[in-house]
Each structure stands twice: as structure tokens, then as C-alpha cells.
Amino acid sequence: MGVALVECKEGCTCQPAKLDGKYDKPVSIFWMLKLFVSQHERCRLRVTITNEPAGQQGAHKVTLAAIMVTHIENMREAGTLASIRWINDGVKMG
């Protein structure tokens, strides 16, 4: 899998984040990225696939499966979100 840059482009603000799909084995893994965004009635995000190769294959493929929005202030205590093990800026299910 590849590497993508996620950033706020219109309305809302956030720190740019890297979605890094690097993994040692040639399998598909579901990763989640935690991105804190300011509130705005119209928020536009941009996901850009970078030229930075990921993994041993040097792949550039990135699949965006979903976007979740929540107003919960402490996501670590929120129902099923509490079962997610957070890793740096991204998270891994399990």
C-alpha cells in the first residue's frame, strides 16, 4: 500500500497527517487515521497520494474506505472506539 497526505483545505482547520500503509507482509490491512478538525458547517478535506513508495513492493495504492465524523471530546472512552488500539497518528483495529 502507498502513502497519502490528508489535509484540511476549506472551512475547517487541522494539522496535516500522513496515512502510511507500509506493512511488512503483502496483505491488505485496514488502518484508521485520527485527525482532529475544527468545527465548521462546511469542511473540505484533501487526500493526496504521495510519490513516497510504501512497503517492499514500492506501491502507491491507497484506498479510502470511509470517513467518520464525531463531536465526542474524549474518543478513547466512546463505546466501540475504546476497543481501538491507537498507534501514533494512525490506528490499528484489534
PDB file of N, CA and C in Angstrom:
ATOM      1  N   MET A   1       0.841  -1.176   0.000  1.00  0.00           N
ATOM      2  CA  MET A   1       0.000   0.000   0.000  1.00  0.00           C
ATOM      3  C   MET A   1       0.885   1.238   0.000  1.00  0.00           C
ATOM      4  N   GLY A   2       0.291   2.342  -0.364  1.00  0.00           N
ATOM      5  CA  GLY A   2       1.047   3.566  -0.504  1.00  0.00           C
ATOM      6  C   GLY A   2       0.930   4.511   0.678  1.00  0.00           C
ATOM      7  N   VAL A   3       1.362   5.731   0.433  1.00  0.00           N
ATOM      8  CA  VAL A   3       1.363   6.773   1.453  1.00  0.00           C
ATOM      9  C   VAL A   3       0.541   7.945   0.918  1.00  0.00           C
ATOM     10  N   ALA A   4      -0.321   8.514   1.777  1.00  0.00           N
ATOM     11  CA  ALA A   4      -1.144   9.650   1.369  1.00  0.00           C
ATOM     12  C   ALA A   4      -1.048  10.756   2.413  1.00  0.00           C
ATOM     13  N   LEU A   5      -1.207  11.981   1.963  1.00  0.00           N
ATOM     14  CA  LEU A   5      -1.245  13.149   2.836  1.00  0.00           C
ATOM     15  C   LEU A   5      -2.702  13.572   2.971  1.00  0.00           C
ATOM     16  N   VAL A   6      -3.166  13.750   4.214  1.00  0.00           N
ATOM     17  CA  VAL A   6      -4.536  14.197   4.485  1.00  0.00           C
ATOM     18  C   VAL A   6      -4.443  15.596   5.085  1.00  0.00           C
ATOM     19  N   GLU A   7      -5.175  16.546   4.502  1.00  0.00           N
ATOM     20  CA  GLU A   7      -5.110  17.922   4.995  1.00  0.00           C
ATOM     21  C   GLU A   7      -6.450  18.628   4.828  1.00  0.00           C
ATOM     22  N   CYS A   8      -6.683  19.625   5.668  1.00  0.00           N
ATOM     23  CA  CYS A   8      -7.880  20.458   5.582  1.00  0.00           C
ATOM     24  C   CYS A   8      -7.632  21.529   4.529  1.00  0.00           C
ATOM     25  N   LYS A   9      -8.577  21.690   3.592  1.00  0.00           N
ATOM     26  CA  LYS A   9      -8.380  22.638   2.500  1.00  0.00           C
ATOM     27  C   LYS A   9      -9.351  23.805   2.513  1.00  0.00           C
ATOM     28  N   GLU A  10     -10.527  23.638   3.122  1.00  0.00           N
ATOM     29  CA  GLU A  10     -11.515  24.719   3.069  1.00  0.00           C
ATOM     30  C   GLU A  10     -12.421  24.678   4.291  1.00  0.00           C
ATOM     31  N   GLY A  11     -12.668  25.838   4.872  1.00  0.00           N
ATOM     32  CA  GLY A  11     -13.588  25.952   6.005  1.00  0.00           C
ATOM     33  C   GLY A  11     -12.941  25.605   7.329  1.00  0.00           C
ATOM     34  N   CYS A  12     -12.680  24.350   7.551  1.00  0.00           N
ATOM     35  CA  CYS A  12     -12.108  23.869   8.814  1.00  0.00           C
ATOM     36  C   CYS A  12     -10.578  23.937   8.779  1.00  0.00           C
ATOM     37  N   THR A  13      -9.982  23.707   9.941  1.00  0.00           N
ATOM     38  CA  THR A  13      -8.521  23.678  10.033  1.00  0.00           C
ATOM     39  C   THR A  13      -8.081  22.407  10.756  1.00  0.00           C
ATOM     40  N   CYS A  14      -6.882  21.933  10.413  1.00  0.00           N
ATOM     41  CA  CYS A  14      -6.296  20.759  11.061  1.00  0.00           C
ATOM     42  C   CYS A  14      -4.811  20.700  10.730  1.00  0.00           C
ATOM     43  N   GLN A  15      -4.089  19.903  11.481  1.00  0.00           N
ATOM     44  CA  GLN A  15      -2.693  19.645  11.181  1.00  0.00           C
ATOM     45  C   GLN A  15      -2.645  18.576  10.089  1.00  0.00           C
ATOM     46  N   PRO A  16      -1.863  18.767   9.022  1.00  0.00           N
ATOM     47  CA  PRO A  16      -1.754  17.720   8.002  1.00  0.00           C
ATOM     48  C   PRO A  16      -1.268  16.416   8.633  1.00  0.00           C
ATOM     49  N   ALA A  17      -1.736  15.303   8.105  1.00  0.00           N
ATOM     50  CA  ALA A  17      -1.359  13.995   8.643  1.00  0.00           C
ATOM     51  C   ALA A  17      -0.986  13.062   7.501  1.00  0.00           C
ATOM     52  N   LYS A  18      -0.093  12.139   7.793  1.00  0.00           N
ATOM     53  CA  LYS A  18       0.332  11.160   6.801  1.00  0.00           C
ATOM     54  C   LYS A  18      -0.370   9.835   7.069  1.00  0.00           C
ATOM     55  N   LEU A  19      -0.998   9.290   6.046  1.00  0.00           N
ATOM     56  CA  LEU A  19      -1.615   7.972   6.109  1.00  0.00           C
ATOM     57  C   LEU A  19      -0.622   7.017   5.461  1.00  0.00           C
ATOM     58  N   ASP A  20       0.060   6.245   6.280  1.00  0.00           N
ATOM     59  CA  ASP A  20       1.165   5.406   5.818  1.00  0.00           C
ATOM     60  C   ASP A  20       0.740   3.945   5.825  1.00  0.00           C
ATOM     61  N   GLY A  21       0.591   3.358   4.652  1.00  0.00           N
ATOM     62  CA  GLY A  21       0.140   1.979   4.528  1.00  0.00           C
ATOM     63  C   GLY A  21       1.252   0.955   4.514  1.00  0.00           C
ATOM     64  N   LYS A  22       2.452   1.337   4.936  1.00  0.00           N
ATOM     65  CA  LYS A  22       3.575   0.392   4.930  1.00  0.00           C
ATOM     66  C   LYS A  22       3.297  -0.773   5.873  1.00  0.00           C
ATOM     67  N   TYR A  23       3.552  -1.967   5.377  1.00  0.00           N
ATOM     68  CA  TYR A  23       3.381  -3.174   6.181  1.00  0.00           C
ATOM     69  C   TYR A  23       4.356  -4.217   5.662  1.00  0.00           C
ATOM     70  N   ASP A  24       4.930  -5.005   6.561  1.00  0.00           N
ATOM     71  CA  ASP A  24       5.981  -5.955   6.194  1.00  0.00           C
ATOM     72  C   ASP A  24       5.517  -7.082   5.278  1.00  0.00           C
ATOM     73  N   LYS A  25       4.255  -7.471   5.364  1.00  0.00           N
ATOM     74  CA  LYS A  25       3.751  -8.610   4.593  1.00  0.00           C
ATOM     75  C   LYS A  25       2.831  -8.130   3.471  1.00  0.00           C
ATOM     76  N   PRO A  26       2.784  -8.869   2.351  1.00  0.00           N
ATOM     77  CA  PRO A  26       1.943  -8.460   1.214  1.00  0.00           C
ATOM     78  C   PRO A  26       0.473  -8.824   1.412  1.00  0.00           C
ATOM     79  N   VAL A  27      -0.165  -8.192   2.399  1.00  0.00           N
ATOM     80  CA  VAL A  27      -1.582  -8.417   2.683  1.00  0.00           C
ATOM     81  C   VAL A  27      -2.276  -7.063   2.831  1.00  0.00           C
ATOM     82  N   SER A  28      -3.584  -7.050   2.682  1.00  0.00           N
ATOM     83  CA  SER A  28      -4.356  -5.819   2.869  1.00  0.00           C
ATOM     84  C   SER A  28      -4.712  -5.662   4.343  1.00  0.00           C
ATOM     85  N   ILE A  29      -4.419  -4.504   4.888  1.00  0.00           N
ATOM     86  CA  ILE A  29      -4.686  -4.193   6.291  1.00  0.00           C
ATOM     87  C   ILE A  29      -5.586  -2.964   6.341  1.00  0.00           C
ATOM     88  N   PHE A  30      -6.553  -2.967   7.250  1.00  0.00           N
ATOM     89  CA  PHE A  30      -7.429  -1.813   7.450  1.00  0.00           C
ATOM     90  C   PHE A  30      -6.796  -0.907   8.498  1.00  0.00           C
ATOM     91  N   TRP A  31      -6.437   0.314   8.113  1.00  0.00           N
ATOM     92  CA  TRP A  31      -5.860   1.294   9.028  1.00  0.00           C
ATOM     93  C   TRP A  31      -6.846   2.438   9.192  1.00  0.00           C
ATOM     94  N   MET A  32      -6.832   3.040  10.373  1.00  0.00           N
ATOM     95  CA  MET A  32      -7.634   4.239  10.606  1.00  0.00           C
ATOM     96  C   MET A  32      -6.699   5.375  10.989  1.00  0.00           C
ATOM     97  N   LEU A  33      -7.021   6.559  10.543  1.00  0.00           N
ATOM     98  CA  LEU A  33      -6.231   7.745  10.838  1.00  0.00           C
ATOM     99  C   LEU A  33      -7.054   8.669  11.716  1.00  0.00           C
ATOM    100  N   LYS A  34      -6.474   9.105  12.824  1.00  0.00           N
ATOM    101  CA  LYS A  34      -7.131  10.049  13.731  1.00  0.00           C
ATOM    102  C   LYS A  34      -6.724  11.460  13.315  1.00  0.00           C
ATOM    103  N   LEU A  35      -7.696  12.299  12.980  1.00  0.00           N
ATOM    104  CA  LEU A  35      -7.424  13.657  12.534  1.00  0.00           C
ATOM    105  C   LEU A  35      -8.371  14.603  13.271  1.00  0.00           C
ATOM    106  N   PHE A  36      -7.824  15.495  14.075  1.00  0.00           N
ATOM    107  CA  PHE A  36      -8.642  16.458  14.815  1.00  0.00           C
ATOM    108  C   PHE A  36      -8.858  17.691  13.946  1.00  0.00           C
ATOM    109  N   VAL A  37     -10.127  18.007  13.702  1.00  0.00           N
ATOM    110  CA  VAL A  37     -10.513  19.067  12.778  1.00  0.00           C
ATOM    111  C   VAL A  37     -11.382  20.083  13.515  1.00  0.00           C
ATOM    112  N   SER A  38     -11.176  21.375  13.231  1.00  0.00           N
ATOM    113  CA  SER A  38     -12.018  22.403  13.845  1.00  0.00           C
ATOM    114  C   SER A  38     -13.441  22.304  13.301  1.00  0.00           C
ATOM    115  N   GLN A  39     -14.399  22.760  14.109  1.00  0.00           N
ATOM    116  CA  GLN A  39     -15.797  22.708  13.678  1.00  0.00           C
ATOM    117  C   GLN A  39     -16.072  23.779  12.627  1.00  0.00           C
ATOM    118  N   HIS A  40     -16.825  23.399  11.621  1.00  0.00           N
ATOM    119  CA  HIS A  40     -17.246  24.331  10.583  1.00  0.00           C
ATOM    120  C   HIS A  40     -18.411  23.689   9.846  1.00  0.00           C
ATOM    121  N   GLU A  41     -19.375  24.497   9.413  1.00  0.00           N
ATOM    122  CA  GLU A  41     -20.541  23.915   8.734  1.00  0.00           C
ATOM    123  C   GLU A  41     -20.182  23.310   7.381  1.00  0.00           C
ATOM    124  N   ARG A  42     -19.071  23.737   6.798  1.00  0.00           N
ATOM    125  CA  ARG A  42     -18.615  23.174   5.523  1.00  0.00           C
ATOM    126  C   ARG A  42     -17.108  22.962   5.615  1.00  0.00           C
ATOM    127  N   CYS A  43     -16.703  21.717   5.640  1.00  0.00           N
ATOM    128  CA  CYS A  43     -15.289  21.374   5.793  1.00  0.00           C
ATOM    129  C   CYS A  43     -14.859  20.520   4.605  1.00  0.00           C
ATOM    130  N   ARG A  44     -13.794  20.915   3.945  1.00  0.00           N
ATOM    131  CA  ARG A  44     -13.292  20.152   2.804  1.00  0.00           C
ATOM    132  C   ARG A  44     -11.907  19.603   3.136  1.00  0.00           C
ATOM    133  N   LEU A  45     -11.782  18.277   3.037  1.00  0.00           N
ATOM    134  CA  LEU A  45     -10.504  17.601   3.243  1.00  0.00           C
ATOM    135  C   LEU A  45      -9.932  17.194   1.897  1.00  0.00           C
ATOM    136  N   ARG A  46      -8.619  17.096   1.828  1.00  0.00           N
ATOM    137  CA  ARG A  46      -7.957  16.608   0.615  1.00  0.00           C
ATOM    138  C   ARG A  46      -7.077  15.426   0.992  1.00  0.00           C
ATOM    139  N   VAL A  47      -7.182  14.350   0.215  1.00  0.00           N
ATOM    140  CA  VAL A  47      -6.321  13.180   0.377  1.00  0.00           C
ATOM    141  C   VAL A  47      -5.482  13.081  -0.889  1.00  0.00           C
ATOM    142  N   THR A  48      -4.161  13.212  -0.751  1.00  0.00           N
ATOM    143  CA  THR A  48      -3.250  13.201  -1.891  1.00  0.00           C
ATOM    144  C   THR A  48      -2.294  12.025  -1.772  1.00  0.00           C
ATOM    145  N   ILE A  49      -2.274  11.165  -2.771  1.00  0.00           N
ATOM    146  CA  ILE A  49      -1.317  10.058  -2.785  1.00  0.00           C
ATOM    147  C   ILE A  49       0.050  10.642  -3.109  1.00  0.00           C
ATOM    148  N   THR A  50       1.036  10.347  -2.269  1.00  0.00           N
ATOM    149  CA  THR A  50       2.371  10.905  -2.449  1.00  0.00           C
ATOM    150  C   THR A  50       3.207  10.028  -3.381  1.00  0.00           C
ATOM    151  N   ASN A  51       4.365  10.535  -3.766  1.00  0.00           N
ATOM    152  CA  ASN A  51       5.311   9.762  -4.575  1.00  0.00           C
ATOM    153  C   ASN A  51       6.164   8.845  -3.721  1.00  0.00           C
ATOM    154  N   GLU A  52       6.008   8.949  -2.413  1.00  0.00           N
ATOM    155  CA  GLU A  52       6.790   8.130  -1.485  1.00  0.00           C
ATOM    156  C   GLU A  52       6.313   6.677  -1.557  1.00  0.00           C
ATOM    157  N   PRO A  53       7.183   5.755  -1.992  1.00  0.00           N
ATOM    158  CA  PRO A  53       6.762   4.355  -2.065  1.00  0.00           C
ATOM    159  C   PRO A  53       6.613   3.750  -0.676  1.00  0.00           C
ATOM    160  N   ALA A  54       5.716   2.800  -0.565  1.00  0.00           N
ATOM    161  CA  ALA A  54       5.500   2.132   0.717  1.00  0.00           C
ATOM    162  C   ALA A  54       5.749   0.643   0.558  1.00  0.00           C
ATOM    163  N   GLY A  55       6.284   0.038   1.594  1.00  0.00           N
ATOM    164  CA  GLY A  55       6.479  -1.408   1.607  1.00  0.00           C
ATOM    165  C   GLY A  55       7.574  -1.876   0.672  1.00  0.00           C
ATOM    166  N   GLN A  56       7.786  -3.162   0.663  1.00  0.00           N
ATOM    167  CA  GLN A  56       8.838  -3.757  -0.160  1.00  0.00           C
ATOM    168  C   GLN A  56       8.521  -3.662  -1.646  1.00  0.00           C
ATOM    169  N   GLN A  57       7.242  -3.637  -1.995  1.00  0.00           N
ATOM    170  CA  GLN A  57       6.854  -3.573  -3.397  1.00  0.00           C
ATOM    171  C   GLN A  57       6.970  -2.160  -3.973  1.00  0.00           C
ATOM    172  N   GLY A  58       7.142  -1.167  -3.122  1.00  0.00           N
ATOM    173  CA  GLY A  58       7.215   0.212  -3.584  1.00  0.00           C
ATOM    174  C   GLY A  58       5.894   0.691  -4.168  1.00  0.00           C
ATOM    175  N   ALA A  59       4.799   0.218  -3.619  1.00  0.00           N
ATOM    176  CA  ALA A  59       3.466   0.515  -4.156  1.00  0.00           C
ATOM    177  C   ALA A  59       3.004   1.926  -3.802  1.00  0.00           C
ATOM    178  N   HIS A  60       2.042   2.412  -4.575  1.00  0.00           N
ATOM    179  CA  HIS A  60       1.463   3.735  -4.338  1.00  0.00           C
ATOM    180  C   HIS A  60      -0.047   3.664  -4.145  1.00  0.00           C
ATOM    181  N   LYS A  61      -0.613   2.481  -3.992  1.00  0.00           N
ATOM    182  CA  LYS A  61      -2.067   2.315  -3.888  1.00  0.00           C
ATOM    183  C   LYS A  61      -2.568   2.732  -2.506  1.00  0.00           C
ATOM    184  N   VAL A  62      -3.619   3.552  -2.492  1.00  0.00           N
ATOM    185  CA  VAL A  62      -4.285   3.959  -1.259  1.00  0.00           C
ATOM    186  C   VAL A  62      -5.786   3.822  -1.493  1.00  0.00           C
ATOM    187  N   THR A  63      -6.481   3.171  -0.578  1.00  0.00           N
ATOM    188  CA  THR A  63      -7.930   3.019  -0.673  1.00  0.00           C
ATOM    189  C   THR A  63      -8.573   3.748   0.495  1.00  0.00           C
ATOM    190  N   LEU A  64      -9.460   4.676   0.199  1.00  0.00           N
ATOM    191  CA  LEU A  64     -10.211   5.385   1.232  1.00  0.00           C
ATOM    192  C   LEU A  64     -11.541   4.659   1.398  1.00  0.00           C
ATOM    193  N   ALA A  65     -11.709   3.967   2.524  1.00  0.00           N
ATOM    194  CA  ALA A  65     -12.898   3.145   2.743  1.00  0.00           C
ATOM    195  C   ALA A  65     -14.043   3.928   3.373  1.00  0.00           C
ATOM    196  N   ALA A  66     -13.737   4.877   4.248  1.00  0.00           N
ATOM    197  CA  ALA A  66     -14.801   5.597   4.948  1.00  0.00           C
ATOM    198  C   ALA A  66     -14.238   6.825   5.643  1.00  0.00           C
ATOM    199  N   ILE A  67     -15.141   7.727   5.984  1.00  0.00           N
ATOM    200  CA  ILE A  67     -14.809   8.879   6.821  1.00  0.00           C
ATOM    201  C   ILE A  67     -15.845   8.922   7.937  1.00  0.00           C
ATOM    202  N   MET A  68     -15.381   8.998   9.174  1.00  0.00           N
ATOM    203  CA  MET A  68     -16.282   9.103  10.323  1.00  0.00           C
ATOM    204  C   MET A  68     -16.107  10.470  10.959  1.00  0.00           C
ATOM    205  N   VAL A  69     -17.210  11.076  11.347  1.00  0.00           N
ATOM    206  CA  VAL A  69     -17.179  12.379  11.999  1.00  0.00           C
ATOM    207  C   VAL A  69     -17.861  12.240  13.351  1.00  0.00           C
ATOM    208  N   THR A  70     -17.231  12.795  14.383  1.00  0.00           N
ATOM    209  CA  THR A  70     -17.829  12.752  15.711  1.00  0.00           C
ATOM    210  C   THR A  70     -17.527  14.042  16.452  1.00  0.00           C
ATOM    211  N   HIS A  71     -18.373  14.373  17.390  1.00  0.00           N
ATOM    212  CA  HIS A  71     -18.140  15.549  18.234  1.00  0.00           C
ATOM    213  C   HIS A  71     -17.719  15.130  19.636  1.00  0.00           C
ATOM    214  N   ILE A  72     -17.419  13.859  19.815  1.00  0.00           N
ATOM    215  CA  ILE A  72     -17.027  13.337  21.125  1.00  0.00           C
ATOM    216  C   ILE A  72     -15.659  13.893  21.498  1.00  0.00           C
ATOM    217  N   GLU A  73     -15.566  14.497  22.685  1.00  0.00           N
ATOM    218  CA  GLU A  73     -14.313  15.119  23.085  1.00  0.00           C
ATOM    219  C   GLU A  73     -13.255  14.106  23.487  1.00  0.00           C
ATOM    220  N   ASN A  74     -13.649  13.039  24.175  1.00  0.00           N
ATOM    221  CA  ASN A  74     -12.677  12.029  24.575  1.00  0.00           C
ATOM    222  C   ASN A  74     -13.010  10.725  23.858  1.00  0.00           C
ATOM    223  N   MET A  75     -12.466  10.554  22.652  1.00  0.00           N
ATOM    224  CA  MET A  75     -12.802   9.403  21.822  1.00  0.00           C
ATOM    225  C   MET A  75     -12.357   8.080  22.436  1.00  0.00           C
ATOM    226  N   ARG A  76     -11.367   8.085  23.311  1.00  0.00           N
ATOM    227  CA  ARG A  76     -10.882   6.840  23.908  1.00  0.00           C
ATOM    228  C   ARG A  76     -11.913   6.198  24.835  1.00  0.00           C
ATOM    229  N   GLU A  77     -12.910   6.957  25.284  1.00  0.00           N
ATOM    230  CA  GLU A  77     -13.927   6.427  26.189  1.00  0.00           C
ATOM    231  C   GLU A  77     -15.270   6.236  25.491  1.00  0.00           C
ATOM    232  N   ALA A  78     -15.297   6.289  24.172  1.00  0.00           N
ATOM    233  CA  ALA A  78     -16.556   6.276  23.431  1.00  0.00           C
ATOM    234  C   ALA A  78     -16.877   4.902  22.852  1.00  0.00           C
ATOM    235  N   GLY A  79     -17.629   4.091  23.564  1.00  0.00           N
ATOM    236  CA  GLY A  79     -18.136   2.816  23.057  1.00  0.00           C
ATOM    237  C   GLY A  79     -17.107   1.973  22.346  1.00  0.00           C
ATOM    238  N   THR A  80     -17.398   1.625  21.084  1.00  0.00           N
ATOM    239  CA  THR A  80     -16.502   0.750  20.329  1.00  0.00           C
ATOM    240  C   THR A  80     -15.179   1.421  19.996  1.00  0.00           C
ATOM    241  N   LEU A  81     -15.127   2.749  20.009  1.00  0.00           N
ATOM    242  CA  LEU A  81     -13.849   3.419  19.766  1.00  0.00           C
ATOM    243  C   LEU A  81     -12.847   3.109  20.865  1.00  0.00           C
ATOM    244  N   ALA A  82     -13.340   2.732  22.047  1.00  0.00           N
ATOM    245  CA  ALA A  82     -12.442   2.392  23.151  1.00  0.00           C
ATOM    246  C   ALA A  82     -11.691   1.095  22.883  1.00  0.00           C
ATOM    247  N   SER A  83     -12.182   0.248  21.967  1.00  0.00           N
ATOM    248  CA  SER A  83     -11.510  -1.016  21.671  1.00  0.00           C
ATOM    249  C   SER A  83     -10.424  -0.869  20.612  1.00  0.00           C
ATOM    250  N   ILE A  84     -10.240   0.326  20.093  1.00  0.00           N
ATOM    251  CA  ILE A  84      -9.207   0.557  19.083  1.00  0.00           C
ATOM    252  C   ILE A  84      -7.892   0.887  19.778  1.00  0.00           C
ATOM    253  N   ARG A  85      -6.831   0.214  19.354  1.00  0.00           N
ATOM    254  CA  ARG A  85      -5.503   0.463  19.903  1.00  0.00           C
ATOM    255  C   ARG A  85      -4.840   1.544  19.042  1.00  0.00           C
ATOM    256  N   TRP A  86      -4.661   2.738  19.605  1.00  0.00           N
ATOM    257  CA  TRP A  86      -4.121   3.873  18.850  1.00  0.00           C
ATOM    258  C   TRP A  86      -2.616   3.730  18.683  1.00  0.00           C
ATOM    259  N   ILE A  87      -2.136   3.982  17.478  1.00  0.00           N
ATOM    260  CA  ILE A  87      -0.706   3.923  17.181  1.00  0.00           C
ATOM    261  C   ILE A  87      -0.325   5.232  16.503  1.00  0.00           C
ATOM    262  N   ASN A  88       0.450   6.061  17.180  1.00  0.00           N
ATOM    263  CA  ASN A  88       0.872   7.363  16.659  1.00  0.00           C
ATOM    264  C   ASN A  88      -0.325   8.133  16.123  1.00  0.00           C
ATOM    265  N   ASP A  89      -0.228   8.679  14.894  1.00  0.00           N
ATOM    266  CA  ASP A  89      -1.336   9.419  14.291  1.00  0.00           C
ATOM    267  C   ASP A  89      -2.381   8.479  13.712  1.00  0.00           C
ATOM    268  N   GLY A  90      -1.978   7.274  13.349  1.00  0.00           N
ATOM    269  CA  GLY A  90      -2.909   6.303  12.778  1.00  0.00           C
ATOM    270  C   GLY A  90      -3.266   5.266  13.819  1.00  0.00           C
ATOM    271  N   VAL A  91      -4.262   4.481  13.552  1.00  0.00           N
ATOM    272  CA  VAL A  91      -4.669   3.445  14.493  1.00  0.00           C
ATOM    273  C   VAL A  91      -4.830   2.120  13.782  1.00  0.00           C
ATOM    274  N   LYS A  92      -4.754   1.066  14.544  1.00  0.00           N
ATOM    275  CA  LYS A  92      -4.872  -0.284  14.026  1.00  0.00           C
ATOM    276  C   LYS A  92      -6.023  -0.959  14.750  1.00  0.00           C
ATOM    277  N   MET A  93      -6.898  -1.601  14.033  1.00  0.00           N
ATOM    278  CA  MET A  93      -8.019  -2.288  14.666  1.00  0.00           C
ATOM    279  C   MET A  93      -7.509  -3.522  15.397  1.00  0.00           C
ATOM    280  N   GLY A  94      -8.078  -3.795  16.589  1.00  0.00           N
ATOM    281  CA  GLY A  94      -7.718  -5.045  17.255  1.00  0.00           C
ATOM    282  C   GLY A  94      -7.297  -4.919  18.658  1.00  0.00           C
TER     283      GLY A  94
END
